[in-house]
């Protein structure tokens, strides 16, 4: 076997081993982190965070979720003025402006 053939065979074996590892990872499924991180805790503490669309209820303020969904869909904050105003009203109603010393502009 020539040197080039040996290198090609080794590369093929490496590629097959890598594919097997990827398949094993896929069978285990993605790891999910159910614990909220610091950012999540801060957002939820506002009282305006909302829940995922599958968990929404009419009794839960979800203005932050609506605002971020609007921006995700439109990619322009200027097109989300109504959602921004609703979030601002929720922010104030929850007392966050006092808590964070936000000035009304």
PDB file of N, CA and C in Angstrom:
ATOM      1  N   UNK A   1       0.865  -1.173   0.000  1.00  0.00           N
ATOM      2  CA  UNK A   1       0.000   0.000   0.000  1.00  0.00           C
ATOM      3  C   UNK A   1       0.904   1.226   0.000  1.00  0.00           C
ATOM      4  N   UNK A   2       0.612   2.163  -0.885  1.00  0.00           N
ATOM      5  CA  UNK A   2       1.429   3.362  -0.965  1.00  0.00           C
ATOM      6  C   UNK A   2       1.081   4.322   0.169  1.00  0.00           C
ATOM      7  N   UNK A   3       1.930   5.287   0.360  1.00  0.00           N
ATOM      8  CA  UNK A   3       1.741   6.296   1.410  1.00  0.00           C
ATOM      9  C   UNK A   3       0.455   7.080   1.190  1.00  0.00           C
ATOM     10  N   UNK A   4       0.154   7.437  -0.050  1.00  0.00           N
ATOM     11  CA  UNK A   4      -1.069   8.190  -0.367  1.00  0.00           C
ATOM     12  C   UNK A   4      -2.308   7.362  -0.080  1.00  0.00           C
ATOM     13  N   UNK A   5      -2.248   6.091  -0.408  1.00  0.00           N
ATOM     14  CA  UNK A   5      -3.378   5.212  -0.145  1.00  0.00           C
ATOM     15  C   UNK A   5      -3.616   5.064   1.355  1.00  0.00           C
ATOM     16  N   UNK A   6      -2.556   4.974   2.111  1.00  0.00           N
ATOM     17  CA  UNK A   6      -2.672   4.850   3.569  1.00  0.00           C
ATOM     18  C   UNK A   6      -3.287   6.116   4.165  1.00  0.00           C
ATOM     19  N   UNK A   7      -2.864   7.269   3.658  1.00  0.00           N
ATOM     20  CA  UNK A   7      -3.416   8.538   4.143  1.00  0.00           C
ATOM     21  C   UNK A   7      -4.901   8.648   3.802  1.00  0.00           C
ATOM     22  N   UNK A   8      -5.267   8.244   2.600  1.00  0.00           N
ATOM     23  CA  UNK A   8      -6.665   8.304   2.179  1.00  0.00           C
ATOM     24  C   UNK A   8      -7.519   7.364   3.031  1.00  0.00           C
ATOM     25  N   UNK A   9      -6.975   6.184   3.296  1.00  0.00           N
ATOM     26  CA  UNK A   9      -7.705   5.221   4.126  1.00  0.00           C
ATOM     27  C   UNK A   9      -7.887   5.757   5.543  1.00  0.00           C
ATOM     28  N   UNK A  10      -6.850   6.366   6.096  1.00  0.00           N
ATOM     29  CA  UNK A  10      -6.929   6.942   7.446  1.00  0.00           C
ATOM     30  C   UNK A  10      -7.949   8.081   7.488  1.00  0.00           C
ATOM     31  N   UNK A  11      -7.960   8.914   6.465  1.00  0.00           N
ATOM     32  CA  UNK A  11      -8.919  10.025   6.405  1.00  0.00           C
ATOM     33  C   UNK A  11     -10.345   9.496   6.351  1.00  0.00           C
ATOM     34  N   UNK A  12     -10.546   8.422   5.596  1.00  0.00           N
ATOM     35  CA  UNK A  12     -11.871   7.821   5.486  1.00  0.00           C
ATOM     36  C   UNK A  12     -12.308   7.236   6.827  1.00  0.00           C
ATOM     37  N   UNK A  13     -11.403   6.574   7.523  1.00  0.00           N
ATOM     38  CA  UNK A  13     -11.721   6.011   8.831  1.00  0.00           C
ATOM     39  C   UNK A  13     -12.048   7.123   9.833  1.00  0.00           C
ATOM     40  N   UNK A  14     -11.294   8.204   9.780  1.00  0.00           N
ATOM     41  CA  UNK A  14     -11.564   9.337  10.674  1.00  0.00           C
ATOM     42  C   UNK A  14     -12.947   9.930  10.404  1.00  0.00           C
ATOM     43  N   UNK A  15     -13.287  10.048   9.135  1.00  0.00           N
ATOM     44  CA  UNK A  15     -14.584  10.608   8.755  1.00  0.00           C
ATOM     45  C   UNK A  15     -15.719   9.697   9.234  1.00  0.00           C
ATOM     46  N   UNK A  16     -15.546   8.400   9.101  1.00  0.00           N
ATOM     47  CA  UNK A  16     -16.569   7.459   9.547  1.00  0.00           C
ATOM     48  C   UNK A  16     -16.734   7.520  11.067  1.00  0.00           C
ATOM     49  N   UNK A  17     -15.628   7.624  11.784  1.00  0.00           N
ATOM     50  CA  UNK A  17     -15.696   7.712  13.243  1.00  0.00           C
ATOM     51  C   UNK A  17     -16.410   8.991  13.669  1.00  0.00           C
ATOM     52  N   UNK A  18     -16.141  10.078  12.968  1.00  0.00           N
ATOM     53  CA  UNK A  18     -16.798  11.349  13.286  1.00  0.00           C
ATOM     54  C   UNK A  18     -18.305  11.269  13.024  1.00  0.00           C
ATOM     55  N   UNK A  19     -18.704  10.628  11.945  1.00  0.00           N
ATOM     56  CA  UNK A  19     -20.118  10.470  11.631  1.00  0.00           C
ATOM     57  C   UNK A  19     -20.817   9.624  12.689  1.00  0.00           C
ATOM     58  N   UNK A  20     -20.146   8.577  13.162  1.00  0.00           N
ATOM     59  CA  UNK A  20     -20.732   7.742  14.210  1.00  0.00           C
ATOM     60  C   UNK A  20     -20.929   8.538  15.502  1.00  0.00           C
ATOM     61  N   UNK A  21     -19.959   9.382  15.838  1.00  0.00           N
ATOM     62  CA  UNK A  21     -20.086  10.208  17.042  1.00  0.00           C
ATOM     63  C   UNK A  21     -21.260  11.171  16.916  1.00  0.00           C
ATOM     64  N   UNK A  22     -21.430  11.772  15.742  1.00  0.00           N
ATOM     65  CA  UNK A  22     -22.533  12.698  15.531  1.00  0.00           C
ATOM     66  C   UNK A  22     -23.872  11.981  15.624  1.00  0.00           C
ATOM     67  N   UNK A  23     -23.945  10.775  15.094  1.00  0.00           N
ATOM     68  CA  UNK A  23     -25.186  10.004  15.170  1.00  0.00           C
ATOM     69  C   UNK A  23     -25.517   9.657  16.615  1.00  0.00           C
ATOM     70  N   UNK A  24     -24.511   9.312  17.395  1.00  0.00           N
ATOM     71  CA  UNK A  24     -24.733   8.994  18.801  1.00  0.00           C
ATOM     72  C   UNK A  24     -25.224  10.227  19.556  1.00  0.00           C
ATOM     73  N   UNK A  25     -24.664  11.375  19.262  1.00  0.00           N
ATOM     74  CA  UNK A  25     -25.119  12.612  19.908  1.00  0.00           C
ATOM     75  C   UNK A  25     -26.569  12.897  19.541  1.00  0.00           C
ATOM     76  N   UNK A  26     -26.915  12.667  18.270  1.00  0.00           N
ATOM     77  CA  UNK A  26     -28.279  12.908  17.819  1.00  0.00           C
ATOM     78  C   UNK A  26     -29.277  11.984  18.484  1.00  0.00           C
ATOM     79  N   UNK A  27     -28.884  10.752  18.762  1.00  0.00           N
ATOM     80  CA  UNK A  27     -29.769   9.802  19.417  1.00  0.00           C
ATOM     81  C   UNK A  27     -30.005  10.173  20.877  1.00  0.00           C
ATOM     82  N   UNK A  28     -29.032  10.794  21.497  1.00  0.00           N
ATOM     83  CA  UNK A  28     -29.182  11.205  22.884  1.00  0.00           C
ATOM     84  C   UNK A  28     -30.093  12.413  22.992  1.00  0.00           C
ATOM     85  N   UNK A  29     -30.237  13.159  21.901  1.00  0.00           N
ATOM     86  CA  UNK A  29     -31.080  14.345  21.893  1.00  0.00           C
ATOM     87  C   UNK A  29     -30.340  15.534  22.470  1.00  0.00           C
ATOM     88  N   UNK A  30     -30.820  16.719  22.144  1.00  0.00           N
ATOM     89  CA  UNK A  30     -30.169  17.928  22.648  1.00  0.00           C
ATOM     90  C   UNK A  30     -30.372  18.066  24.151  1.00  0.00           C
ATOM     91  N   UNK A  31     -29.366  18.586  24.800  1.00  0.00           N
ATOM     92  CA  UNK A  31     -29.490  18.827  26.230  1.00  0.00           C
ATOM     93  C   UNK A  31     -30.279  20.113  26.432  1.00  0.00           C
ATOM     94  N   UNK A  32     -31.232  20.083  27.345  1.00  0.00           N
ATOM     95  CA  UNK A  32     -32.052  21.246  27.606  1.00  0.00           C
ATOM     96  C   UNK A  32     -31.741  21.783  28.987  1.00  0.00           C
ATOM     97  N   UNK A  33     -31.666  23.086  29.052  1.00  0.00           N
ATOM     98  CA  UNK A  33     -31.400  23.747  30.314  1.00  0.00           C
ATOM     99  C   UNK A  33     -32.709  24.378  30.773  1.00  0.00           C
ATOM    100  N   UNK A  34     -33.351  23.751  31.752  1.00  0.00           N
ATOM    101  CA  UNK A  34     -34.634  24.245  32.229  1.00  0.00           C
ATOM    102  C   UNK A  34     -34.490  25.324  33.297  1.00  0.00           C
ATOM    103  N   UNK A  35     -33.293  25.512  33.795  1.00  0.00           N
ATOM    104  CA  UNK A  35     -33.072  26.500  34.839  1.00  0.00           C
ATOM    105  C   UNK A  35     -32.934  27.889  34.220  1.00  0.00           C
ATOM    106  N   UNK A  36     -33.666  28.871  34.742  1.00  0.00           N
ATOM    107  CA  UNK A  36     -33.528  30.226  34.205  1.00  0.00           C
ATOM    108  C   UNK A  36     -32.165  30.805  34.565  1.00  0.00           C
ATOM    109  N   UNK A  37     -31.553  31.498  33.614  1.00  0.00           N
ATOM    110  CA  UNK A  37     -30.283  32.146  33.891  1.00  0.00           C
ATOM    111  C   UNK A  37     -30.541  33.534  34.482  1.00  0.00           C
ATOM    112  N   UNK A  38     -29.487  34.285  34.731  1.00  0.00           N
ATOM    113  CA  UNK A  38     -29.636  35.605  35.363  1.00  0.00           C
ATOM    114  C   UNK A  38     -30.481  36.546  34.513  1.00  0.00           C
ATOM    115  N   UNK A  39     -30.295  36.495  33.202  1.00  0.00           N
ATOM    116  CA  UNK A  39     -31.074  37.357  32.304  1.00  0.00           C
ATOM    117  C   UNK A  39     -32.560  37.026  32.422  1.00  0.00           C
ATOM    118  N   UNK A  40     -32.897  35.748  32.373  1.00  0.00           N
ATOM    119  CA  UNK A  40     -34.295  35.326  32.488  1.00  0.00           C
ATOM    120  C   UNK A  40     -34.893  35.806  33.808  1.00  0.00           C
ATOM    121  N   UNK A  41     -34.144  35.655  34.886  1.00  0.00           N
ATOM    122  CA  UNK A  41     -34.642  36.072  36.200  1.00  0.00           C
ATOM    123  C   UNK A  41     -34.948  37.562  36.223  1.00  0.00           C
ATOM    124  N   UNK A  42     -34.088  38.344  35.603  1.00  0.00           N
ATOM    125  CA  UNK A  42     -34.314  39.803  35.568  1.00  0.00           C
ATOM    126  C   UNK A  42     -35.559  40.147  34.757  1.00  0.00           C
ATOM    127  N   UNK A  43     -35.712  39.507  33.619  1.00  0.00           N
ATOM    128  CA  UNK A  43     -36.880  39.772  32.774  1.00  0.00           C
ATOM    129  C   UNK A  43     -38.158  39.347  33.493  1.00  0.00           C
ATOM    130  N   UNK A  44     -38.170  38.154  34.084  1.00  0.00           N
ATOM    131  CA  UNK A  44     -39.372  37.672  34.768  1.00  0.00           C
ATOM    132  C   UNK A  44     -39.718  38.525  35.981  1.00  0.00           C
ATOM    133  N   UNK A  45     -38.720  39.132  36.605  1.00  0.00           N
ATOM    134  CA  UNK A  45     -38.990  39.943  37.793  1.00  0.00           C
ATOM    135  C   UNK A  45     -39.720  41.244  37.456  1.00  0.00           C
ATOM    136  N   UNK A  46     -39.782  41.618  36.180  1.00  0.00           N
ATOM    137  CA  UNK A  46     -40.475  42.847  35.794  1.00  0.00           C
ATOM    138  C   UNK A  46     -41.987  42.712  35.865  1.00  0.00           C
ATOM    139  N   UNK A  47     -42.486  41.487  35.794  1.00  0.00           N
ATOM    140  CA  UNK A  47     -43.926  41.271  35.762  1.00  0.00           C
ATOM    141  C   UNK A  47     -44.513  41.443  34.374  1.00  0.00           C
ATOM    142  N   UNK A  48     -43.671  41.708  33.388  1.00  0.00           N
ATOM    143  CA  UNK A  48     -44.132  41.935  32.013  1.00  0.00           C
ATOM    144  C   UNK A  48     -43.514  40.949  31.031  1.00  0.00           C
ATOM    145  N   UNK A  49     -42.944  39.881  31.542  1.00  0.00           N
ATOM    146  CA  UNK A  49     -42.155  38.975  30.706  1.00  0.00           C
ATOM    147  C   UNK A  49     -42.991  38.097  29.800  1.00  0.00           C
ATOM    148  N   UNK A  50     -44.058  37.546  30.312  1.00  0.00           N
ATOM    149  CA  UNK A  50     -44.865  36.621  29.526  1.00  0.00           C
ATOM    150  C   UNK A  50     -44.346  35.218  29.650  1.00  0.00           C
ATOM    151  N   UNK A  51     -45.012  34.329  28.968  1.00  0.00           N
ATOM    152  CA  UNK A  51     -44.657  32.919  28.947  1.00  0.00           C
ATOM    153  C   UNK A  51     -44.510  32.518  27.497  1.00  0.00           C
ATOM    154  N   UNK A  52     -43.979  31.349  27.277  1.00  0.00           N
ATOM    155  CA  UNK A  52     -43.898  30.866  25.903  1.00  0.00           C
ATOM    156  C   UNK A  52     -45.305  30.740  25.345  1.00  0.00           C
ATOM    157  N   UNK A  53     -45.436  30.764  24.039  1.00  0.00           N
ATOM    158  CA  UNK A  53     -46.769  30.776  23.421  1.00  0.00           C
ATOM    159  C   UNK A  53     -47.619  29.593  23.860  1.00  0.00           C
ATOM    160  N   UNK A  54     -47.006  28.475  24.205  1.00  0.00           N
ATOM    161  CA  UNK A  54     -47.782  27.324  24.626  1.00  0.00           C
ATOM    162  C   UNK A  54     -48.264  27.451  26.068  1.00  0.00           C
ATOM    163  N   UNK A  55     -47.704  28.426  26.824  1.00  0.00           N
ATOM    164  CA  UNK A  55     -48.055  28.573  28.235  1.00  0.00           C
ATOM    165  C   UNK A  55     -48.818  29.864  28.522  1.00  0.00           C
ATOM    166  N   UNK A  56     -49.098  30.663  27.514  1.00  0.00           N
ATOM    167  CA  UNK A  56     -49.746  31.955  27.745  1.00  0.00           C
ATOM    168  C   UNK A  56     -51.126  31.784  28.355  1.00  0.00           C
ATOM    169  N   UNK A  57     -51.467  32.716  29.200  1.00  0.00           N
ATOM    170  CA  UNK A  57     -52.830  32.764  29.718  1.00  0.00           C
ATOM    171  C   UNK A  57     -53.288  34.211  29.686  1.00  0.00           C
ATOM    172  N   UNK A  58     -54.577  34.423  29.716  1.00  0.00           N
ATOM    173  CA  UNK A  58     -55.094  35.785  29.629  1.00  0.00           C
ATOM    174  C   UNK A  58     -54.773  36.587  30.884  1.00  0.00           C
ATOM    175  N   UNK A  59     -54.354  35.938  31.942  1.00  0.00           N
ATOM    176  CA  UNK A  59     -54.097  36.617  33.202  1.00  0.00           C
ATOM    177  C   UNK A  59     -52.636  36.972  33.409  1.00  0.00           C
ATOM    178  N   UNK A  60     -51.810  36.711  32.432  1.00  0.00           N
ATOM    179  CA  UNK A  60     -50.375  36.950  32.597  1.00  0.00           C
ATOM    180  C   UNK A  60     -49.926  38.047  31.644  1.00  0.00           C
ATOM    181  N   UNK A  61     -49.213  39.038  32.160  1.00  0.00           N
ATOM    182  CA  UNK A  61     -48.688  40.106  31.321  1.00  0.00           C
ATOM    183  C   UNK A  61     -47.583  39.546  30.436  1.00  0.00           C
ATOM    184  N   UNK A  62     -47.744  39.690  29.141  1.00  0.00           N
ATOM    185  CA  UNK A  62     -46.734  39.162  28.227  1.00  0.00           C
ATOM    186  C   UNK A  62     -46.260  40.223  27.240  1.00  0.00           C
ATOM    187  N   UNK A  63     -46.182  41.464  27.709  1.00  0.00           N
ATOM    188  CA  UNK A  63     -45.791  42.555  26.830  1.00  0.00           C
ATOM    189  C   UNK A  63     -44.362  42.418  26.324  1.00  0.00           C
ATOM    190  N   UNK A  64     -43.436  41.933  27.152  1.00  0.00           N
ATOM    191  CA  UNK A  64     -42.058  41.756  26.697  1.00  0.00           C
ATOM    192  C   UNK A  64     -41.984  40.721  25.586  1.00  0.00           C
ATOM    193  N   UNK A  65     -42.727  39.649  25.745  1.00  0.00           N
ATOM    194  CA  UNK A  65     -42.751  38.601  24.724  1.00  0.00           C
ATOM    195  C   UNK A  65     -43.341  39.139  23.417  1.00  0.00           C
ATOM    196  N   UNK A  66     -44.413  39.883  23.517  1.00  0.00           N
ATOM    197  CA  UNK A  66     -45.021  40.460  22.310  1.00  0.00           C
ATOM    198  C   UNK A  66     -44.063  41.425  21.630  1.00  0.00           C
ATOM    199  N   UNK A  67     -43.359  42.216  22.423  1.00  0.00           N
ATOM    200  CA  UNK A  67     -42.419  43.188  21.871  1.00  0.00           C
ATOM    201  C   UNK A  67     -41.259  42.486  21.165  1.00  0.00           C
ATOM    202  N   UNK A  68     -40.689  41.481  21.789  1.00  0.00           N
ATOM    203  CA  UNK A  68     -39.577  40.777  21.148  1.00  0.00           C
ATOM    204  C   UNK A  68     -40.051  39.987  19.922  1.00  0.00           C
ATOM    205  N   UNK A  69     -41.270  39.454  19.969  1.00  0.00           N
ATOM    206  CA  UNK A  69     -41.821  38.771  18.786  1.00  0.00           C
ATOM    207  C   UNK A  69     -42.002  39.754  17.637  1.00  0.00           C
ATOM    208  N   UNK A  70     -42.490  40.954  17.950  1.00  0.00           N
ATOM    209  CA  UNK A  70     -42.674  41.977  16.920  1.00  0.00           C
ATOM    210  C   UNK A  70     -41.341  42.301  16.255  1.00  0.00           C
ATOM    211  N   UNK A  71     -40.325  42.536  17.073  1.00  0.00           N
ATOM    212  CA  UNK A  71     -39.020  42.874  16.504  1.00  0.00           C
ATOM    213  C   UNK A  71     -38.468  41.707  15.688  1.00  0.00           C
ATOM    214  N   UNK A  72     -38.647  40.492  16.178  1.00  0.00           N
ATOM    215  CA  UNK A  72     -38.171  39.318  15.441  1.00  0.00           C
ATOM    216  C   UNK A  72     -38.836  39.236  14.065  1.00  0.00           C
ATOM    217  N   UNK A  73     -40.141  39.510  14.031  1.00  0.00           N
ATOM    218  CA  UNK A  73     -40.887  39.422  12.769  1.00  0.00           C
ATOM    219  C   UNK A  73     -40.555  40.568  11.818  1.00  0.00           C
ATOM    220  N   UNK A  74     -40.444  41.795  12.348  1.00  0.00           N
ATOM    221  CA  UNK A  74     -40.332  42.984  11.492  1.00  0.00           C
ATOM    222  C   UNK A  74     -38.918  43.520  11.352  1.00  0.00           C
ATOM    223  N   UNK A  75     -38.037  43.151  12.271  1.00  0.00           N
ATOM    224  CA  UNK A  75     -36.632  43.578  12.243  1.00  0.00           C
ATOM    225  C   UNK A  75     -36.468  45.097  12.263  1.00  0.00           C
ATOM    226  N   UNK A  76     -37.437  45.794  12.832  1.00  0.00           N
ATOM    227  CA  UNK A  76     -37.382  47.254  12.909  1.00  0.00           C
ATOM    228  C   UNK A  76     -38.215  47.716  14.104  1.00  0.00           C
ATOM    229  N   UNK A  77     -37.544  48.281  15.104  1.00  0.00           N
ATOM    230  CA  UNK A  77     -38.250  48.724  16.317  1.00  0.00           C
ATOM    231  C   UNK A  77     -39.326  49.762  16.004  1.00  0.00           C
ATOM    232  N   UNK A  78     -39.107  50.566  14.963  1.00  0.00           N
ATOM    233  CA  UNK A  78     -40.074  51.627  14.632  1.00  0.00           C
ATOM    234  C   UNK A  78     -41.438  51.050  14.256  1.00  0.00           C
ATOM    235  N   UNK A  79     -41.471  49.819  13.797  1.00  0.00           N
ATOM    236  CA  UNK A  79     -42.732  49.169  13.442  1.00  0.00           C
ATOM    237  C   UNK A  79     -43.385  48.489  14.646  1.00  0.00           C
ATOM    238  N   UNK A  80     -42.779  48.637  15.804  1.00  0.00           N
ATOM    239  CA  UNK A  80     -43.293  47.984  17.015  1.00  0.00           C
ATOM    240  C   UNK A  80     -43.689  49.009  18.075  1.00  0.00           C
ATOM    241  N   UNK A  81     -44.059  50.207  17.642  1.00  0.00           N
ATOM    242  CA  UNK A  81     -44.361  51.285  18.589  1.00  0.00           C
ATOM    243  C   UNK A  81     -45.516  50.944  19.525  1.00  0.00           C
ATOM    244  N   UNK A  82     -46.563  50.316  19.007  1.00  0.00           N
ATOM    245  CA  UNK A  82     -47.705  49.952  19.863  1.00  0.00           C
ATOM    246  C   UNK A  82     -47.284  48.950  20.940  1.00  0.00           C
ATOM    247  N   UNK A  83     -46.502  47.956  20.541  1.00  0.00           N
ATOM    248  CA  UNK A  83     -46.022  46.966  21.504  1.00  0.00           C
ATOM    249  C   UNK A  83     -45.084  47.617  22.523  1.00  0.00           C
ATOM    250  N   UNK A  84     -44.284  48.570  22.063  1.00  0.00           N
ATOM    251  CA  UNK A  84     -43.377  49.282  22.970  1.00  0.00           C
ATOM    252  C   UNK A  84     -44.170  50.089  23.993  1.00  0.00           C
ATOM    253  N   UNK A  85     -45.238  50.746  23.567  1.00  0.00           N
ATOM    254  CA  UNK A  85     -46.074  51.511  24.493  1.00  0.00           C
ATOM    255  C   UNK A  85     -46.772  50.608  25.498  1.00  0.00           C
ATOM    256  N   UNK A  86     -47.253  49.461  25.027  1.00  0.00           N
ATOM    257  CA  UNK A  86     -47.881  48.500  25.942  1.00  0.00           C
ATOM    258  C   UNK A  86     -46.882  47.998  26.975  1.00  0.00           C
ATOM    259  N   UNK A  87     -45.651  47.728  26.539  1.00  0.00           N
ATOM    260  CA  UNK A  87     -44.617  47.294  27.466  1.00  0.00           C
ATOM    261  C   UNK A  87     -44.310  48.406  28.474  1.00  0.00           C
ATOM    262  N   UNK A  88     -44.236  49.620  28.003  1.00  0.00           N
ATOM    263  CA  UNK A  88     -43.950  50.762  28.887  1.00  0.00           C
ATOM    264  C   UNK A  88     -45.044  50.911  29.952  1.00  0.00           C
ATOM    265  N   UNK A  89     -46.311  50.765  29.531  1.00  0.00           N
ATOM    266  CA  UNK A  89     -47.413  50.856  30.496  1.00  0.00           C
ATOM    267  C   UNK A  89     -47.333  49.737  31.534  1.00  0.00           C
ATOM    268  N   UNK A  90     -47.021  48.529  31.087  1.00  0.00           N
ATOM    269  CA  UNK A  90     -46.872  47.409  32.004  1.00  0.00           C
ATOM    270  C   UNK A  90     -45.713  47.665  32.957  1.00  0.00           C
ATOM    271  N   UNK A  91     -44.605  48.142  32.426  1.00  0.00           N
ATOM    272  CA  UNK A  91     -43.410  48.446  33.226  1.00  0.00           C
ATOM    273  C   UNK A  91     -43.768  49.408  34.362  1.00  0.00           C
ATOM    274  N   UNK A  92     -44.501  50.452  34.009  1.00  0.00           N
ATOM    275  CA  UNK A  92     -44.884  51.450  35.012  1.00  0.00           C
ATOM    276  C   UNK A  92     -45.908  50.884  35.989  1.00  0.00           C
ATOM    277  N   UNK A  93     -46.874  50.117  35.491  1.00  0.00           N
ATOM    278  CA  UNK A  93     -47.909  49.549  36.358  1.00  0.00           C
ATOM    279  C   UNK A  93     -47.310  48.572  37.373  1.00  0.00           C
ATOM    280  N   UNK A  94     -46.226  47.913  37.012  1.00  0.00           N
ATOM    281  CA  UNK A  94     -45.568  46.961  37.907  1.00  0.00           C
ATOM    282  C   UNK A  94     -44.588  47.651  38.867  1.00  0.00           C
ATOM    283  N   UNK A  95     -44.443  48.982  38.725  1.00  0.00           N
ATOM    284  CA  UNK A  95     -43.552  49.727  39.617  1.00  0.00           C
ATOM    285  C   UNK A  95     -42.085  49.615  39.258  1.00  0.00           C
ATOM    286  N   UNK A  96     -41.792  49.165  38.056  1.00  0.00           N
ATOM    287  CA  UNK A  96     -40.393  49.002  37.652  1.00  0.00           C
ATOM    288  C   UNK A  96     -39.684  50.334  37.448  1.00  0.00           C
ATOM    289  N   UNK A  97     -40.434  51.382  37.079  1.00  0.00           N
ATOM    290  CA  UNK A  97     -39.793  52.673  36.899  1.00  0.00           C
ATOM    291  C   UNK A  97     -39.235  53.200  38.220  1.00  0.00           C
ATOM    292  N   UNK A  98     -39.926  52.906  39.305  1.00  0.00           N
ATOM    293  CA  UNK A  98     -39.419  53.311  40.634  1.00  0.00           C
ATOM    294  C   UNK A  98     -38.257  52.432  41.056  1.00  0.00           C
ATOM    295  N   UNK A  99     -38.382  51.166  40.792  1.00  0.00           N
ATOM    296  CA  UNK A  99     -37.357  50.203  41.196  1.00  0.00           C
ATOM    297  C   UNK A  99     -36.035  50.450  40.477  1.00  0.00           C
ATOM    298  N   UNK A 100     -36.102  50.846  39.234  1.00  0.00           N
ATOM    299  CA  UNK A 100     -34.884  51.032  38.447  1.00  0.00           C
ATOM    300  C   UNK A 100     -34.538  52.501  38.245  1.00  0.00           C
ATOM    301  N   UNK A 101     -35.321  53.381  38.832  1.00  0.00           N
ATOM    302  CA  UNK A 101     -35.100  54.825  38.730  1.00  0.00           C
ATOM    303  C   UNK A 101     -35.125  55.292  37.280  1.00  0.00           C
ATOM    304  N   UNK A 102     -36.061  54.710  36.503  1.00  0.00           N
ATOM    305  CA  UNK A 102     -36.200  55.105  35.111  1.00  0.00           C
ATOM    306  C   UNK A 102     -36.903  56.445  35.027  1.00  0.00           C
ATOM    307  N   UNK A 103     -36.397  57.323  34.220  1.00  0.00           N
ATOM    308  CA  UNK A 103     -37.025  58.620  34.030  1.00  0.00           C
ATOM    309  C   UNK A 103     -37.967  58.547  32.837  1.00  0.00           C
ATOM    310  N   UNK A 104     -39.111  59.186  32.987  1.00  0.00           N
ATOM    311  CA  UNK A 104     -40.085  59.224  31.912  1.00  0.00           C
ATOM    312  C   UNK A 104     -39.619  60.205  30.856  1.00  0.00           C
ATOM    313  N   UNK A 105     -39.484  59.746  29.615  1.00  0.00           N
ATOM    314  CA  UNK A 105     -39.019  60.623  28.541  1.00  0.00           C
ATOM    315  C   UNK A 105     -40.076  60.830  27.512  1.00  0.00           C
TER     316      UNK A 105
END
